[in-house]
Amino acid sequence: MNRTEITESTMEASIASVASKVTYTSAGSIGFGWLLSSEAAVFFGIIGVVAGNVINWWFKRKADKREEELHKLKLQEFHASRSPH
């Protein structure tokens, strides 16, 4: 991996972490808004939960694709090293 790929991977992991925290905070907002009978808090909490989950899904999907590509490359290297020359 070159420096750009490492930086991009780190940034994506950070974004996914923040999205996860937004999801949990928004879920708490839903409960708090429900206790206070505040429709606005419940509405924005639901929006936050949906947005956080979509962002998490997007970046997890990208990470899975990267891991799959790495796995395929490692398999190719393995098979190349085992084949008789």
N, C-alpha and C. Protein backbone atom coordinates (compact mmCIF):
# COMPACT_ATOMS: atom_id res chain seq x y z
N MET A 1 0.85 -1.18 0.00
CA MET A 1 0.00 0.00 0.00
C MET A 1 0.89 1.24 0.00
N ASN A 2 0.52 2.18 -0.83
CA ASN A 2 1.29 3.41 -0.83
C ASN A 2 0.69 4.39 0.18
N ARG A 3 1.35 5.51 0.31
CA ARG A 3 0.96 6.50 1.32
C ARG A 3 -0.46 7.02 1.10
N THR A 4 -0.83 7.24 -0.15
CA THR A 4 -2.17 7.76 -0.47
C THR A 4 -3.25 6.75 -0.06
N GLU A 5 -3.02 5.47 -0.34
CA GLU A 5 -4.00 4.45 0.03
C GLU A 5 -4.14 4.33 1.53
N ILE A 6 -3.03 4.44 2.25
CA ILE A 6 -3.07 4.37 3.71
C ILE A 6 -3.83 5.57 4.27
N THR A 7 -3.55 6.76 3.74
CA THR A 7 -4.25 7.96 4.20
C THR A 7 -5.74 7.86 3.91
N GLU A 8 -6.09 7.39 2.71
CA GLU A 8 -7.50 7.25 2.35
C GLU A 8 -8.19 6.23 3.24
N SER A 9 -7.52 5.14 3.51
CA SER A 9 -8.09 4.10 4.37
C SER A 9 -8.30 4.62 5.78
N THR A 10 -7.33 5.37 6.29
CA THR A 10 -7.45 5.95 7.63
C THR A 10 -8.59 6.95 7.69
N MET A 11 -8.71 7.78 6.66
CA MET A 11 -9.78 8.77 6.63
C MET A 11 -11.15 8.09 6.59
N GLU A 12 -11.27 7.04 5.78
CA GLU A 12 -12.54 6.33 5.70
C GLU A 12 -12.90 5.66 7.02
N ALA A 13 -11.92 5.12 7.71
CA ALA A 13 -12.17 4.51 9.01
C ALA A 13 -12.63 5.57 10.01
N SER A 14 -12.04 6.76 9.94
CA SER A 14 -12.45 7.85 10.84
C SER A 14 -13.88 8.29 10.56
N ILE A 15 -14.22 8.40 9.29
CA ILE A 15 -15.58 8.81 8.92
C ILE A 15 -16.59 7.76 9.38
N ALA A 16 -16.25 6.49 9.19
CA ALA A 16 -17.15 5.42 9.62
C ALA A 16 -17.32 5.45 11.14
N SER A 17 -16.26 5.77 11.86
CA SER A 17 -16.34 5.85 13.32
C SER A 17 -17.25 7.00 13.75
N VAL A 18 -17.10 8.14 13.10
CA VAL A 18 -17.95 9.29 13.42
C VAL A 18 -19.40 8.97 13.09
N ALA A 19 -19.64 8.33 11.96
CA ALA A 19 -21.01 7.97 11.57
C ALA A 19 -21.63 7.05 12.59
N SER A 20 -20.85 6.14 13.14
CA SER A 20 -21.35 5.23 14.17
C SER A 20 -21.76 6.01 15.42
N LYS A 21 -20.93 6.96 15.80
CA LYS A 21 -21.25 7.79 16.98
C LYS A 21 -22.50 8.64 16.74
N VAL A 22 -22.65 9.15 15.51
CA VAL A 22 -23.85 9.93 15.16
C VAL A 22 -25.08 9.04 15.27
N THR A 23 -24.96 7.81 14.82
CA THR A 23 -26.10 6.88 14.90
C THR A 23 -26.53 6.66 16.34
N TYR A 24 -25.56 6.40 17.23
CA TYR A 24 -25.90 6.16 18.64
C TYR A 24 -26.45 7.41 19.31
N THR A 25 -25.86 8.56 19.01
CA THR A 25 -26.35 9.82 19.59
C THR A 25 -27.77 10.12 19.11
N SER A 26 -28.01 9.88 17.83
CA SER A 26 -29.34 10.13 17.29
C SER A 26 -30.37 9.18 17.89
N ALA A 27 -29.96 7.94 18.12
CA ALA A 27 -30.88 6.99 18.75
C ALA A 27 -31.23 7.46 20.16
N GLY A 28 -30.25 8.00 20.87
CA GLY A 28 -30.51 8.56 22.19
C GLY A 28 -31.44 9.76 22.12
N SER A 29 -31.27 10.55 21.07
CA SER A 29 -32.13 11.71 20.86
C SER A 29 -33.58 11.29 20.64
N ILE A 30 -33.77 10.18 19.95
CA ILE A 30 -35.13 9.68 19.72
C ILE A 30 -35.78 9.35 21.06
N GLY A 31 -35.06 8.61 21.89
CA GLY A 31 -35.61 8.24 23.20
C GLY A 31 -35.87 9.45 24.08
N PHE A 32 -34.92 10.39 24.08
CA PHE A 32 -35.08 11.60 24.88
C PHE A 32 -36.25 12.44 24.36
N GLY A 33 -36.36 12.56 23.05
CA GLY A 33 -37.46 13.31 22.44
C GLY A 33 -38.81 12.67 22.73
N TRP A 34 -38.83 11.35 22.75
CA TRP A 34 -40.07 10.64 23.05
C TRP A 34 -40.49 10.91 24.49
N LEU A 35 -39.51 10.89 25.41
CA LEU A 35 -39.83 11.17 26.82
C LEU A 35 -40.37 12.58 27.01
N LEU A 36 -39.84 13.52 26.23
CA LEU A 36 -40.28 14.92 26.36
C LEU A 36 -41.46 15.24 25.44
N SER A 37 -41.93 14.27 24.70
CA SER A 37 -43.00 14.47 23.71
C SER A 37 -42.64 15.55 22.71
N SER A 38 -41.38 15.54 22.27
CA SER A 38 -40.90 16.52 21.30
C SER A 38 -40.79 15.85 19.94
N GLU A 39 -41.70 16.22 19.05
CA GLU A 39 -41.68 15.63 17.72
C GLU A 39 -40.42 16.00 16.96
N ALA A 40 -39.92 17.21 17.16
CA ALA A 40 -38.72 17.66 16.44
C ALA A 40 -37.51 16.81 16.82
N ALA A 41 -37.35 16.54 18.11
CA ALA A 41 -36.22 15.72 18.55
C ALA A 41 -36.31 14.31 17.99
N VAL A 42 -37.50 13.76 17.98
CA VAL A 42 -37.69 12.42 17.42
C VAL A 42 -37.41 12.44 15.91
N PHE A 43 -37.92 13.43 15.21
CA PHE A 43 -37.72 13.53 13.77
C PHE A 43 -36.23 13.63 13.42
N PHE A 44 -35.53 14.57 14.07
CA PHE A 44 -34.11 14.73 13.77
C PHE A 44 -33.30 13.53 14.25
N GLY A 45 -33.74 12.89 15.29
CA GLY A 45 -33.08 11.66 15.73
C GLY A 45 -33.19 10.56 14.69
N ILE A 46 -34.37 10.42 14.11
CA ILE A 46 -34.58 9.41 13.07
C ILE A 46 -33.72 9.73 11.85
N ILE A 47 -33.68 11.00 11.46
CA ILE A 47 -32.85 11.42 10.33
C ILE A 47 -31.39 11.08 10.61
N GLY A 48 -30.92 11.35 11.82
CA GLY A 48 -29.53 11.05 12.18
C GLY A 48 -29.23 9.56 12.16
N VAL A 49 -30.16 8.76 12.64
CA VAL A 49 -29.95 7.31 12.65
C VAL A 49 -29.87 6.79 11.21
N VAL A 50 -30.77 7.24 10.37
CA VAL A 50 -30.76 6.79 8.98
C VAL A 50 -29.47 7.24 8.29
N ALA A 51 -29.11 8.50 8.45
CA ALA A 51 -27.89 9.01 7.81
C ALA A 51 -26.65 8.27 8.33
N GLY A 52 -26.57 8.07 9.62
CA GLY A 52 -25.42 7.35 10.18
C GLY A 52 -25.31 5.93 9.66
N ASN A 53 -26.43 5.25 9.55
CA ASN A 53 -26.41 3.88 9.04
C ASN A 53 -26.04 3.83 7.56
N VAL A 54 -26.52 4.78 6.77
CA VAL A 54 -26.18 4.81 5.35
C VAL A 54 -24.69 5.07 5.17
N ILE A 55 -24.14 6.00 5.92
CA ILE A 55 -22.70 6.30 5.83
C ILE A 55 -21.88 5.08 6.27
N ASN A 56 -22.28 4.44 7.36
CA ASN A 56 -21.58 3.23 7.80
C ASN A 56 -21.62 2.15 6.73
N TRP A 57 -22.78 1.93 6.15
CA TRP A 57 -22.92 0.92 5.11
C TRP A 57 -22.01 1.22 3.93
N TRP A 58 -21.97 2.48 3.50
CA TRP A 58 -21.17 2.87 2.34
C TRP A 58 -19.69 2.59 2.58
N PHE A 59 -19.16 3.02 3.72
CA PHE A 59 -17.74 2.86 3.96
C PHE A 59 -17.37 1.42 4.29
N LYS A 60 -18.25 0.68 4.92
CA LYS A 60 -17.98 -0.74 5.15
C LYS A 60 -17.95 -1.49 3.83
N ARG A 61 -18.82 -1.13 2.90
CA ARG A 61 -18.83 -1.76 1.59
C ARG A 61 -17.53 -1.49 0.84
N LYS A 62 -17.04 -0.25 0.92
CA LYS A 62 -15.78 0.08 0.28
C LYS A 62 -14.62 -0.70 0.92
N ALA A 63 -14.64 -0.83 2.23
CA ALA A 63 -13.58 -1.58 2.92
C ALA A 63 -13.63 -3.05 2.54
N ASP A 64 -14.83 -3.60 2.42
CA ASP A 64 -14.97 -5.01 2.02
C ASP A 64 -14.42 -5.25 0.62
N LYS A 65 -14.66 -4.31 -0.29
CA LYS A 65 -14.15 -4.44 -1.65
C LYS A 65 -12.62 -4.41 -1.65
N ARG A 66 -12.03 -3.51 -0.85
CA ARG A 66 -10.57 -3.45 -0.76
C ARG A 66 -10.00 -4.75 -0.21
N GLU A 67 -10.63 -5.26 0.84
CA GLU A 67 -10.15 -6.51 1.44
C GLU A 67 -10.29 -7.67 0.47
N GLU A 68 -11.35 -7.69 -0.32
CA GLU A 68 -11.53 -8.75 -1.30
C GLU A 68 -10.45 -8.68 -2.38
N GLU A 69 -10.11 -7.47 -2.83
CA GLU A 69 -9.04 -7.32 -3.82
C GLU A 69 -7.71 -7.79 -3.27
N LEU A 70 -7.42 -7.43 -2.02
CA LEU A 70 -6.18 -7.88 -1.39
C LEU A 70 -6.14 -9.40 -1.28
N HIS A 71 -7.26 -9.98 -0.93
CA HIS A 71 -7.32 -11.44 -0.81
C HIS A 71 -7.05 -12.11 -2.16
N LYS A 72 -7.64 -11.58 -3.22
CA LYS A 72 -7.42 -12.14 -4.55
C LYS A 72 -5.95 -12.04 -4.96
N LEU A 73 -5.32 -10.90 -4.65
CA LEU A 73 -3.90 -10.74 -4.97
C LEU A 73 -3.04 -11.73 -4.20
N LYS A 74 -3.35 -11.93 -2.92
CA LYS A 74 -2.59 -12.88 -2.11
C LYS A 74 -2.77 -14.30 -2.64
N LEU A 75 -3.98 -14.64 -3.07
CA LEU A 75 -4.21 -15.96 -3.65
C LEU A 75 -3.41 -16.14 -4.94
N GLN A 76 -3.38 -15.11 -5.76
CA GLN A 76 -2.61 -15.19 -7.01
C GLN A 76 -1.13 -15.38 -6.70
N GLU A 77 -0.61 -14.63 -5.74
CA GLU A 77 0.79 -14.78 -5.35
C GLU A 77 1.06 -16.18 -4.82
N PHE A 78 0.15 -16.69 -4.03
CA PHE A 78 0.32 -18.02 -3.45
C PHE A 78 0.36 -19.08 -4.55
N HIS A 79 -0.58 -19.00 -5.49
CA HIS A 79 -0.64 -19.98 -6.55
C HIS A 79 0.57 -19.86 -7.49
N ALA A 80 1.02 -18.63 -7.70
CA ALA A 80 2.20 -18.41 -8.55
C ALA A 80 3.46 -18.99 -7.90
N SER A 81 3.55 -18.88 -6.58
CA SER A 81 4.74 -19.40 -5.90
C SER A 81 4.73 -20.93 -5.82
N ARG A 82 3.57 -21.54 -5.90
CA ARG A 82 3.47 -23.01 -5.80
C ARG A 82 3.54 -23.70 -7.16
N SER A 83 3.29 -22.97 -8.22
CA SER A 83 3.29 -23.61 -9.54
C SER A 83 4.72 -23.93 -9.97
N PRO A 84 4.93 -25.12 -10.58
CA PRO A 84 6.27 -25.50 -11.02
C PRO A 84 6.70 -24.65 -12.22
N HIS A 85 7.96 -24.29 -12.23
CA HIS A 85 8.46 -23.43 -13.30
C HIS A 85 9.14 -24.24 -14.35
